[in-house]
Amino acid sequence: MKVRDSGMPDEEMWTGFFEPSKVLAVFGLDRGVQNLVEFGCGYGTFTLAAAGITSGTVHALDIEPEMVDVVRQKCDDAAITNVQAAVRDFVTEGTGLADKSMDAALLFNILHHEEPVALMKEALRVLKPNGMLAVIHWNYDPTTPRGPAMEIRPRPEQCIEWGREAGFRFNERNRYDLPPYHYGLLFRKPFA
């Protein structure tokens, strides 16, 4: 099931919005990560950066075979061997990953989905205790050059509420501004 209003902008425009390594570092995802899952890898904008800081495997999932092919090709071109890119409908089928097997999960520009709490619960399931869930979304601002329709675009407060409903902890100091058009939130899975 495709996420509503999920058309990707062209790659040049998309990659111009982010400095992936710096964004991951803002979340503290620049060291000590063994295994990571990315829900909706798109062009691999964050996948390749995550591969550089992950000592184990990056599980890059996307429903679009074309996106997965792009990520695989980029990994081949860069001689990156710790990415498993897979076509997966994680919305209806889950990630297929074992319980408590991931150190970190990325939900980037995807929580405008019809069931955001279900996506966050799947992230919670696969994360180890104290595992990190990093969320990025478009600012709630109609002047952004892209992003989902305003009526389905979540505000940070909505994402925080959904995260808590899914079972995550959230500390206000883990709210980030990611200029020019995004915000970030870091959640933690409780120890027990």
N, C-alpha and C. Protein backbone atom coordinates (compact mmCIF):
# COMPACT_ATOMS: atom_id res chain seq x y z
N MET A 1 0.84 -1.17 0.00
CA MET A 1 0.00 0.00 0.00
C MET A 1 0.89 1.24 0.00
N LYS A 2 0.77 2.03 -1.03
CA LYS A 2 1.55 3.27 -1.09
C LYS A 2 1.04 4.28 -0.07
N VAL A 3 1.96 5.02 0.46
CA VAL A 3 1.59 6.10 1.38
C VAL A 3 0.94 7.22 0.56
N ARG A 4 -0.18 7.72 1.03
CA ARG A 4 -0.88 8.76 0.29
C ARG A 4 0.00 9.99 0.10
N ASP A 5 -0.19 10.61 -1.03
CA ASP A 5 0.53 11.85 -1.35
C ASP A 5 2.04 11.67 -1.20
N SER A 6 2.55 10.54 -1.76
CA SER A 6 3.95 10.19 -1.51
C SER A 6 4.85 10.32 -2.72
N GLY A 7 4.42 10.99 -3.77
CA GLY A 7 5.27 11.13 -4.94
C GLY A 7 6.59 11.81 -4.60
N MET A 8 7.67 11.22 -5.05
CA MET A 8 8.99 11.78 -4.78
C MET A 8 9.26 12.92 -5.75
N PRO A 9 9.86 14.01 -5.26
CA PRO A 9 10.32 15.04 -6.19
C PRO A 9 11.50 14.48 -6.98
N ASP A 10 11.93 15.19 -8.01
CA ASP A 10 13.08 14.67 -8.73
C ASP A 10 14.28 14.63 -7.78
N GLU A 11 15.21 13.75 -8.07
CA GLU A 11 16.29 13.48 -7.14
C GLU A 11 17.16 14.70 -6.85
N GLU A 12 17.44 15.49 -7.85
CA GLU A 12 18.29 16.66 -7.64
C GLU A 12 17.64 17.63 -6.64
N MET A 13 16.34 17.85 -6.80
CA MET A 13 15.63 18.73 -5.86
C MET A 13 15.65 18.12 -4.46
N TRP A 14 15.34 16.83 -4.38
CA TRP A 14 15.25 16.14 -3.10
C TRP A 14 16.56 16.20 -2.33
N THR A 15 17.66 15.82 -2.99
CA THR A 15 18.94 15.78 -2.29
C THR A 15 19.41 17.18 -1.89
N GLY A 16 18.91 18.21 -2.56
CA GLY A 16 19.27 19.57 -2.19
C GLY A 16 18.68 20.02 -0.86
N PHE A 17 17.70 19.28 -0.34
CA PHE A 17 17.07 19.65 0.93
C PHE A 17 17.89 19.21 2.15
N PHE A 18 18.82 18.27 1.98
CA PHE A 18 19.46 17.63 3.13
C PHE A 18 20.97 17.50 2.97
N GLU A 19 21.66 17.49 4.10
CA GLU A 19 23.03 17.01 4.20
C GLU A 19 22.91 15.76 5.08
N PRO A 20 22.74 14.59 4.45
CA PRO A 20 22.38 13.38 5.20
C PRO A 20 23.25 13.06 6.40
N SER A 21 24.57 13.13 6.25
CA SER A 21 25.45 12.80 7.39
C SER A 21 25.22 13.75 8.55
N LYS A 22 25.01 15.03 8.25
CA LYS A 22 24.77 16.01 9.32
C LYS A 22 23.42 15.76 9.99
N VAL A 23 22.41 15.41 9.20
CA VAL A 23 21.08 15.12 9.78
C VAL A 23 21.18 13.92 10.71
N LEU A 24 21.85 12.86 10.27
CA LEU A 24 21.99 11.68 11.13
C LEU A 24 22.77 12.03 12.40
N ALA A 25 23.78 12.88 12.29
CA ALA A 25 24.56 13.28 13.46
C ALA A 25 23.71 14.08 14.44
N VAL A 26 22.80 14.91 13.94
CA VAL A 26 21.89 15.66 14.83
C VAL A 26 21.13 14.69 15.73
N PHE A 27 20.74 13.56 15.18
CA PHE A 27 20.01 12.54 15.95
C PHE A 27 20.93 11.67 16.81
N GLY A 28 22.23 11.88 16.72
CA GLY A 28 23.17 11.02 17.43
C GLY A 28 23.43 9.71 16.70
N LEU A 29 23.03 9.66 15.45
CA LEU A 29 23.22 8.46 14.64
C LEU A 29 24.49 8.59 13.81
N ASP A 30 25.58 8.88 14.50
CA ASP A 30 26.86 9.01 13.80
C ASP A 30 27.91 8.09 14.42
N ARG A 31 27.48 7.24 15.33
CA ARG A 31 28.41 6.30 15.98
C ARG A 31 27.59 5.27 16.77
N GLY A 32 28.16 4.10 16.94
CA GLY A 32 27.57 3.08 17.82
C GLY A 32 26.31 2.41 17.31
N VAL A 33 26.00 2.55 16.03
CA VAL A 33 24.81 1.90 15.49
C VAL A 33 25.23 0.60 14.80
N GLN A 34 24.64 -0.50 15.23
CA GLN A 34 24.97 -1.77 14.60
C GLN A 34 24.00 -2.04 13.44
N ASN A 35 22.70 -2.11 13.73
CA ASN A 35 21.71 -2.41 12.70
C ASN A 35 20.64 -1.33 12.68
N LEU A 36 20.21 -0.97 11.48
CA LEU A 36 19.27 0.13 11.29
C LEU A 36 18.27 -0.25 10.22
N VAL A 37 17.01 0.18 10.40
CA VAL A 37 15.98 -0.03 9.38
C VAL A 37 15.46 1.32 8.92
N GLU A 38 15.32 1.45 7.61
CA GLU A 38 14.81 2.68 7.01
C GLU A 38 13.49 2.37 6.33
N PHE A 39 12.42 2.98 6.81
CA PHE A 39 11.08 2.80 6.25
C PHE A 39 10.91 3.77 5.09
N GLY A 40 10.97 3.29 3.86
CA GLY A 40 10.82 4.16 2.71
C GLY A 40 12.14 4.80 2.33
N CYS A 41 13.02 4.03 1.70
CA CYS A 41 14.38 4.52 1.43
C CYS A 41 14.46 5.50 0.26
N GLY A 42 13.44 5.55 -0.59
CA GLY A 42 13.48 6.49 -1.71
C GLY A 42 14.73 6.33 -2.53
N TYR A 43 15.39 7.45 -2.83
CA TYR A 43 16.60 7.46 -3.65
C TYR A 43 17.85 7.00 -2.90
N GLY A 44 17.71 6.67 -1.64
CA GLY A 44 18.87 6.29 -0.85
C GLY A 44 19.61 7.48 -0.26
N THR A 45 18.95 8.61 -0.22
CA THR A 45 19.56 9.85 0.29
C THR A 45 20.19 9.62 1.66
N PHE A 46 19.45 8.96 2.55
CA PHE A 46 19.96 8.68 3.89
C PHE A 46 20.56 7.29 4.00
N THR A 47 20.21 6.40 3.10
CA THR A 47 20.69 5.01 3.16
C THR A 47 22.21 4.95 3.11
N LEU A 48 22.79 5.63 2.13
CA LEU A 48 24.24 5.56 1.96
C LEU A 48 24.97 6.20 3.13
N ALA A 49 24.44 7.31 3.65
CA ALA A 49 25.04 7.95 4.83
C ALA A 49 24.92 7.01 6.04
N ALA A 50 23.77 6.36 6.19
CA ALA A 50 23.58 5.43 7.31
C ALA A 50 24.53 4.25 7.20
N ALA A 51 24.79 3.78 5.99
CA ALA A 51 25.72 2.66 5.80
C ALA A 51 27.10 3.00 6.31
N GLY A 52 27.47 4.26 6.22
CA GLY A 52 28.78 4.70 6.67
C GLY A 52 28.95 4.72 8.17
N ILE A 53 27.86 4.75 8.92
CA ILE A 53 27.95 4.81 10.38
C ILE A 53 27.41 3.54 11.04
N THR A 54 27.00 2.57 10.24
CA THR A 54 26.41 1.34 10.75
C THR A 54 27.43 0.22 10.66
N SER A 55 27.71 -0.43 11.78
CA SER A 55 28.69 -1.51 11.77
C SER A 55 28.08 -2.82 11.29
N GLY A 56 26.75 -2.90 11.33
CA GLY A 56 26.05 -4.10 10.87
C GLY A 56 25.39 -3.85 9.53
N THR A 57 24.06 -3.95 9.53
CA THR A 57 23.30 -3.87 8.28
C THR A 57 22.29 -2.74 8.32
N VAL A 58 22.17 -2.05 7.19
CA VAL A 58 21.08 -1.10 6.96
C VAL A 58 20.03 -1.83 6.14
N HIS A 59 18.84 -1.95 6.69
CA HIS A 59 17.71 -2.57 5.98
C HIS A 59 16.92 -1.43 5.35
N ALA A 60 17.08 -1.24 4.05
CA ALA A 60 16.44 -0.15 3.32
C ALA A 60 15.22 -0.70 2.61
N LEU A 61 14.04 -0.30 3.06
CA LEU A 61 12.78 -0.85 2.54
C LEU A 61 12.01 0.21 1.77
N ASP A 62 11.41 -0.21 0.67
CA ASP A 62 10.55 0.69 -0.10
C ASP A 62 9.55 -0.15 -0.89
N ILE A 63 8.37 0.39 -1.09
CA ILE A 63 7.34 -0.31 -1.86
C ILE A 63 7.58 -0.19 -3.36
N GLU A 64 8.37 0.80 -3.76
CA GLU A 64 8.62 1.06 -5.18
C GLU A 64 9.86 0.30 -5.66
N PRO A 65 9.69 -0.69 -6.55
CA PRO A 65 10.86 -1.42 -7.06
C PRO A 65 11.90 -0.51 -7.70
N GLU A 66 11.46 0.56 -8.35
CA GLU A 66 12.41 1.48 -8.99
C GLU A 66 13.32 2.14 -7.97
N MET A 67 12.77 2.50 -6.82
CA MET A 67 13.58 3.13 -5.77
C MET A 67 14.60 2.13 -5.21
N VAL A 68 14.17 0.91 -5.00
CA VAL A 68 15.08 -0.12 -4.48
C VAL A 68 16.19 -0.38 -5.49
N ASP A 69 15.86 -0.42 -6.77
CA ASP A 69 16.89 -0.59 -7.81
C ASP A 69 17.91 0.55 -7.78
N VAL A 70 17.43 1.78 -7.60
CA VAL A 70 18.32 2.94 -7.52
C VAL A 70 19.28 2.78 -6.33
N VAL A 71 18.76 2.40 -5.17
CA VAL A 71 19.59 2.24 -3.98
C VAL A 71 20.62 1.13 -4.19
N ARG A 72 20.18 0.02 -4.75
CA ARG A 72 21.13 -1.08 -5.00
C ARG A 72 22.25 -0.63 -5.94
N GLN A 73 21.90 0.10 -6.99
CA GLN A 73 22.90 0.55 -7.94
C GLN A 73 23.87 1.52 -7.28
N LYS A 74 23.35 2.45 -6.47
CA LYS A 74 24.23 3.39 -5.78
C LYS A 74 25.18 2.67 -4.83
N CYS A 75 24.68 1.65 -4.15
CA CYS A 75 25.54 0.87 -3.26
C CYS A 75 26.61 0.13 -4.05
N ASP A 76 26.22 -0.46 -5.17
CA ASP A 76 27.21 -1.13 -6.02
C ASP A 76 28.27 -0.14 -6.50
N ASP A 77 27.83 1.01 -6.97
CA ASP A 77 28.76 2.03 -7.49
C ASP A 77 29.74 2.51 -6.42
N ALA A 78 29.26 2.58 -5.17
CA ALA A 78 30.10 3.08 -4.07
C ALA A 78 30.78 1.95 -3.29
N ALA A 79 30.63 0.71 -3.77
CA ALA A 79 31.20 -0.47 -3.10
C ALA A 79 30.73 -0.58 -1.65
N ILE A 80 29.47 -0.27 -1.42
CA ILE A 80 28.86 -0.40 -0.09
C ILE A 80 28.24 -1.78 -0.01
N THR A 81 28.63 -2.54 1.00
CA THR A 81 28.18 -3.93 1.10
C THR A 81 27.28 -4.22 2.30
N ASN A 82 27.02 -3.22 3.13
CA ASN A 82 26.23 -3.48 4.33
C ASN A 82 24.79 -2.95 4.24
N VAL A 83 24.28 -2.81 3.01
CA VAL A 83 22.89 -2.40 2.81
C VAL A 83 22.12 -3.55 2.19
N GLN A 84 21.00 -3.88 2.80
CA GLN A 84 20.07 -4.83 2.21
C GLN A 84 18.83 -4.04 1.78
N ALA A 85 18.78 -3.72 0.51
CA ALA A 85 17.63 -2.97 -0.02
C ALA A 85 16.60 -3.98 -0.51
N ALA A 86 15.35 -3.79 -0.10
CA ALA A 86 14.31 -4.76 -0.44
C ALA A 86 13.00 -4.06 -0.75
N VAL A 87 12.30 -4.61 -1.72
CA VAL A 87 10.94 -4.16 -2.01
C VAL A 87 10.05 -4.78 -0.94
N ARG A 88 9.38 -3.93 -0.20
CA ARG A 88 8.57 -4.43 0.91
C ARG A 88 7.42 -3.47 1.18
N ASP A 89 6.23 -4.02 1.28
CA ASP A 89 5.06 -3.24 1.68
C ASP A 89 4.98 -3.30 3.20
N PHE A 90 5.84 -2.53 3.86
CA PHE A 90 5.92 -2.56 5.32
C PHE A 90 4.67 -2.00 5.97
N VAL A 91 3.85 -1.27 5.21
CA VAL A 91 2.61 -0.73 5.76
C VAL A 91 1.64 -1.88 6.07
N THR A 92 1.49 -2.82 5.15
CA THR A 92 0.54 -3.91 5.37
C THR A 92 1.20 -5.19 5.86
N GLU A 93 2.50 -5.37 5.56
CA GLU A 93 3.17 -6.63 5.90
C GLU A 93 4.18 -6.49 7.03
N GLY A 94 4.44 -5.29 7.50
CA GLY A 94 5.50 -5.08 8.47
C GLY A 94 6.86 -5.17 7.79
N THR A 95 7.90 -5.06 8.59
CA THR A 95 9.26 -5.04 8.03
C THR A 95 9.80 -6.44 7.75
N GLY A 96 9.24 -7.45 8.42
CA GLY A 96 9.79 -8.80 8.29
C GLY A 96 11.03 -9.01 9.14
N LEU A 97 11.39 -8.02 9.95
CA LEU A 97 12.56 -8.12 10.81
C LEU A 97 12.18 -8.70 12.18
N ALA A 98 13.16 -9.29 12.84
CA ALA A 98 12.92 -9.91 14.14
C ALA A 98 12.66 -8.86 15.21
N ASP A 99 11.91 -9.25 16.23
CA ASP A 99 11.70 -8.40 17.40
C ASP A 99 13.06 -8.00 18.00
N LYS A 100 13.16 -6.77 18.47
CA LYS A 100 14.33 -6.28 19.21
C LYS A 100 15.65 -6.54 18.48
N SER A 101 15.65 -6.33 17.16
CA SER A 101 16.85 -6.63 16.37
C SER A 101 17.57 -5.38 15.84
N MET A 102 16.96 -4.20 15.97
CA MET A 102 17.52 -2.98 15.40
C MET A 102 17.93 -2.00 16.50
N ASP A 103 19.00 -1.27 16.23
CA ASP A 103 19.43 -0.21 17.14
C ASP A 103 18.72 1.11 16.84
N ALA A 104 18.36 1.29 15.56
CA ALA A 104 17.74 2.54 15.14
C ALA A 104 16.78 2.29 13.99
N ALA A 105 15.80 3.18 13.89
CA ALA A 105 14.82 3.14 12.80
C ALA A 105 14.61 4.56 12.29
N LEU A 106 14.42 4.68 10.98
CA LEU A 106 14.19 5.98 10.35
C LEU A 106 12.79 6.00 9.74
N LEU A 107 12.00 6.98 10.14
CA LEU A 107 10.70 7.26 9.53
C LEU A 107 10.78 8.69 9.01
N PHE A 108 11.29 8.83 7.80
CA PHE A 108 11.55 10.15 7.23
C PHE A 108 10.51 10.49 6.18
N ASN A 109 9.76 11.56 6.42
CA ASN A 109 8.74 12.06 5.49
C ASN A 109 7.71 11.00 5.12
N ILE A 110 7.25 10.26 6.13
CA ILE A 110 6.31 9.18 5.85
C ILE A 110 5.11 9.18 6.81
N LEU A 111 5.15 9.98 7.86
CA LEU A 111 4.07 9.90 8.85
C LEU A 111 2.78 10.60 8.44
N HIS A 112 2.69 11.00 7.18
CA HIS A 112 1.39 11.47 6.68
C HIS A 112 0.56 10.27 6.21
N HIS A 113 1.07 9.08 6.45
CA HIS A 113 0.37 7.84 6.14
C HIS A 113 -0.95 7.78 6.92
N GLU A 114 -1.89 7.00 6.40
CA GLU A 114 -3.20 6.88 7.05
C GLU A 114 -3.11 6.32 8.46
N GLU A 115 -2.10 5.49 8.74
CA GLU A 115 -1.97 4.86 10.05
C GLU A 115 -0.56 5.08 10.62
N PRO A 116 -0.23 6.31 11.01
CA PRO A 116 1.12 6.58 11.49
C PRO A 116 1.48 5.82 12.76
N VAL A 117 0.51 5.60 13.64
CA VAL A 117 0.80 4.89 14.89
C VAL A 117 1.19 3.45 14.58
N ALA A 118 0.57 2.83 13.59
CA ALA A 118 0.92 1.46 13.21
C ALA A 118 2.37 1.38 12.71
N LEU A 119 2.80 2.38 11.94
CA LEU A 119 4.20 2.40 11.50
C LEU A 119 5.14 2.55 12.69
N MET A 120 4.78 3.40 13.62
CA MET A 120 5.62 3.61 14.80
C MET A 120 5.63 2.37 15.69
N LYS A 121 4.52 1.67 15.77
CA LYS A 121 4.48 0.43 16.56
C LYS A 121 5.37 -0.64 15.93
N GLU A 122 5.41 -0.68 14.60
CA GLU A 122 6.31 -1.64 13.94
C GLU A 122 7.76 -1.27 14.22
N ALA A 123 8.07 0.02 14.22
CA ALA A 123 9.43 0.46 14.58
C ALA A 123 9.74 0.05 16.02
N LEU A 124 8.79 0.26 16.92
CA LEU A 124 8.98 -0.12 18.33
C LEU A 124 9.25 -1.62 18.46
N ARG A 125 8.52 -2.41 17.72
CA ARG A 125 8.66 -3.87 17.79
C ARG A 125 10.07 -4.31 17.42
N VAL A 126 10.63 -3.74 16.37
CA VAL A 126 11.93 -4.21 15.88
C VAL A 126 13.11 -3.58 16.62
N LEU A 127 12.87 -2.50 17.36
CA LEU A 127 13.97 -1.84 18.07
C LEU A 127 14.33 -2.56 19.36
N LYS A 128 15.63 -2.54 19.66
CA LYS A 128 16.11 -3.03 20.94
C LYS A 128 15.68 -2.05 22.03
N PRO A 129 15.65 -2.48 23.30
CA PRO A 129 15.38 -1.54 24.37
C PRO A 129 16.35 -0.36 24.31
N ASN A 130 15.84 0.84 24.48
CA ASN A 130 16.55 2.11 24.36
C ASN A 130 16.94 2.42 22.91
N GLY A 131 16.42 1.66 21.96
CA GLY A 131 16.67 1.93 20.54
C GLY A 131 16.08 3.28 20.14
N MET A 132 16.62 3.83 19.07
CA MET A 132 16.25 5.18 18.64
C MET A 132 15.36 5.15 17.41
N LEU A 133 14.30 5.95 17.46
CA LEU A 133 13.46 6.18 16.29
C LEU A 133 13.63 7.65 15.90
N ALA A 134 14.18 7.86 14.72
CA ALA A 134 14.34 9.22 14.20
C ALA A 134 13.21 9.50 13.22
N VAL A 135 12.56 10.64 13.42
CA VAL A 135 11.45 11.07 12.57
C VAL A 135 11.82 12.41 11.95
N ILE A 136 11.61 12.51 10.66
CA ILE A 136 11.72 13.80 9.96
C ILE A 136 10.41 14.00 9.21
N HIS A 137 9.94 15.24 9.22
CA HIS A 137 8.80 15.56 8.36
C HIS A 137 8.88 17.01 7.92
N TRP A 138 8.09 17.29 6.89
CA TRP A 138 8.00 18.66 6.35
C TRP A 138 7.41 19.59 7.39
N ASN A 139 7.93 20.78 7.50
CA ASN A 139 7.34 21.79 8.37
C ASN A 139 5.88 22.00 8.00
N TYR A 140 5.10 22.33 9.02
CA TYR A 140 3.69 22.61 8.78
C TYR A 140 3.59 24.03 8.26
N ASP A 141 3.89 24.16 6.97
CA ASP A 141 4.00 25.47 6.34
C ASP A 141 3.63 25.32 4.86
N PRO A 142 2.59 25.97 4.41
CA PRO A 142 2.15 25.80 3.02
C PRO A 142 3.12 26.38 1.99
N THR A 143 4.15 27.12 2.42
CA THR A 143 5.09 27.70 1.45
C THR A 143 6.25 26.77 1.11
N THR A 144 6.32 25.59 1.73
CA THR A 144 7.39 24.66 1.37
C THR A 144 7.22 24.27 -0.09
N PRO A 145 8.33 24.02 -0.81
CA PRO A 145 8.23 23.72 -2.23
C PRO A 145 7.67 22.34 -2.54
N ARG A 146 7.61 21.48 -1.57
CA ARG A 146 7.08 20.13 -1.73
C ARG A 146 6.38 19.74 -0.45
N GLY A 147 6.07 18.46 -0.35
CA GLY A 147 5.46 17.94 0.86
C GLY A 147 4.01 17.59 0.64
N PRO A 148 3.46 16.77 1.53
CA PRO A 148 2.06 16.36 1.40
C PRO A 148 1.11 17.53 1.63
N ALA A 149 -0.12 17.34 1.21
CA ALA A 149 -1.15 18.35 1.40
C ALA A 149 -1.24 18.73 2.88
N MET A 150 -1.54 19.99 3.14
CA MET A 150 -1.57 20.48 4.52
C MET A 150 -2.55 19.72 5.39
N GLU A 151 -3.66 19.26 4.82
CA GLU A 151 -4.66 18.57 5.66
C GLU A 151 -4.18 17.21 6.17
N ILE A 152 -3.11 16.66 5.58
CA ILE A 152 -2.57 15.40 6.08
C ILE A 152 -1.13 15.54 6.58
N ARG A 153 -0.58 16.74 6.53
CA ARG A 153 0.80 16.97 6.97
C ARG A 153 0.81 17.11 8.49
N PRO A 154 1.54 16.23 9.19
CA PRO A 154 1.50 16.30 10.65
C PRO A 154 2.38 17.40 11.23
N ARG A 155 1.88 18.00 12.27
CA ARG A 155 2.66 18.94 13.06
C ARG A 155 3.55 18.12 14.01
N PRO A 156 4.63 18.70 14.49
CA PRO A 156 5.50 17.95 15.43
C PRO A 156 4.72 17.40 16.63
N GLU A 157 3.81 18.21 17.17
CA GLU A 157 3.04 17.78 18.34
C GLU A 157 2.22 16.53 18.05
N GLN A 158 1.70 16.42 16.82
CA GLN A 158 0.95 15.22 16.45
C GLN A 158 1.87 14.01 16.42
N CYS A 159 3.05 14.16 15.85
CA CYS A 159 4.01 13.06 15.79
C CYS A 159 4.43 12.61 17.19
N ILE A 160 4.63 13.57 18.08
CA ILE A 160 5.00 13.24 19.45
C ILE A 160 3.88 12.46 20.12
N GLU A 161 2.66 12.90 19.93
CA GLU A 161 1.51 12.20 20.49
C GLU A 161 1.43 10.78 19.94
N TRP A 162 1.60 10.62 18.63
CA TRP A 162 1.57 9.29 18.01
C TRP A 162 2.68 8.40 18.56
N GLY A 163 3.87 8.98 18.72
CA GLY A 163 4.99 8.21 19.25
C GLY A 163 4.71 7.70 20.65
N ARG A 164 4.16 8.55 21.49
CA ARG A 164 3.83 8.13 22.85
C ARG A 164 2.74 7.07 22.83
N GLU A 165 1.74 7.25 21.96
CA GLU A 165 0.68 6.25 21.83
C GLU A 165 1.25 4.90 21.39
N ALA A 166 2.27 4.92 20.55
CA ALA A 166 2.90 3.69 20.06
C ALA A 166 3.76 3.03 21.13
N GLY A 167 4.13 3.79 22.18
CA GLY A 167 4.91 3.23 23.27
C GLY A 167 6.30 3.82 23.44
N PHE A 168 6.62 4.87 22.69
CA PHE A 168 7.94 5.50 22.78
C PHE A 168 8.00 6.55 23.89
N ARG A 169 9.22 6.83 24.33
CA ARG A 169 9.49 7.97 25.21
C ARG A 169 9.94 9.12 24.33
N PHE A 170 9.60 10.33 24.75
CA PHE A 170 10.06 11.52 24.03
C PHE A 170 10.45 12.58 25.03
N ASN A 171 11.61 13.19 24.81
CA ASN A 171 12.09 14.29 25.63
C ASN A 171 12.14 15.54 24.74
N GLU A 172 11.62 16.64 25.22
CA GLU A 172 11.54 17.88 24.41
C GLU A 172 12.90 18.34 23.87
N ARG A 173 13.98 18.00 24.55
CA ARG A 173 15.29 18.42 24.04
C ARG A 173 15.65 17.68 22.74
N ASN A 174 14.88 16.67 22.39
CA ASN A 174 15.12 15.90 21.17
C ASN A 174 14.20 16.31 20.03
N ARG A 175 13.91 17.61 19.98
CA ARG A 175 13.15 18.22 18.88
C ARG A 175 14.12 19.13 18.13
N TYR A 176 14.19 18.96 16.81
CA TYR A 176 15.21 19.66 16.03
C TYR A 176 14.60 20.40 14.84
N ASP A 177 15.21 21.53 14.53
CA ASP A 177 14.88 22.26 13.32
C ASP A 177 15.89 21.82 12.26
N LEU A 178 15.39 21.37 11.11
CA LEU A 178 16.26 20.90 10.04
C LEU A 178 16.00 21.75 8.79
N PRO A 179 16.58 22.94 8.76
CA PRO A 179 16.33 23.86 7.65
C PRO A 179 16.79 23.25 6.32
N PRO A 180 16.16 23.62 5.22
CA PRO A 180 15.24 24.75 5.16
C PRO A 180 13.76 24.38 5.38
N TYR A 181 13.37 23.09 5.28
CA TYR A 181 11.94 22.80 5.24
C TYR A 181 11.45 21.70 6.19
N HIS A 182 12.30 21.19 7.07
CA HIS A 182 11.92 20.03 7.86
C HIS A 182 12.16 20.24 9.36
N TYR A 183 11.52 19.36 10.13
CA TYR A 183 11.79 19.25 11.56
C TYR A 183 12.14 17.80 11.85
N GLY A 184 12.79 17.57 12.98
CA GLY A 184 13.15 16.22 13.38
C GLY A 184 12.78 15.97 14.83
N LEU A 185 12.47 14.71 15.13
CA LEU A 185 12.11 14.28 16.47
C LEU A 185 12.83 12.96 16.74
N LEU A 186 13.39 12.82 17.93
CA LEU A 186 14.05 11.57 18.29
C LEU A 186 13.31 10.94 19.45
N PHE A 187 12.86 9.71 19.24
CA PHE A 187 12.15 8.93 20.24
C PHE A 187 13.05 7.80 20.71
N ARG A 188 12.78 7.31 21.92
CA ARG A 188 13.50 6.16 22.47
C ARG A 188 12.51 5.08 22.87
N LYS A 189 12.89 3.84 22.62
CA LYS A 189 12.09 2.72 23.10
C LYS A 189 12.41 2.52 24.59
N PRO A 190 11.39 2.38 25.43
CA PRO A 190 11.66 2.16 26.86
C PRO A 190 12.45 0.87 27.08
N PHE A 191 13.18 0.81 28.21
CA PHE A 191 13.95 -0.38 28.54
C PHE A 191 13.05 -1.57 28.86
N ALA A 192 11.89 -1.30 29.43
CA ALA A 192 11.02 -2.43 29.81
C ALA A 192 9.64 -2.24 29.22
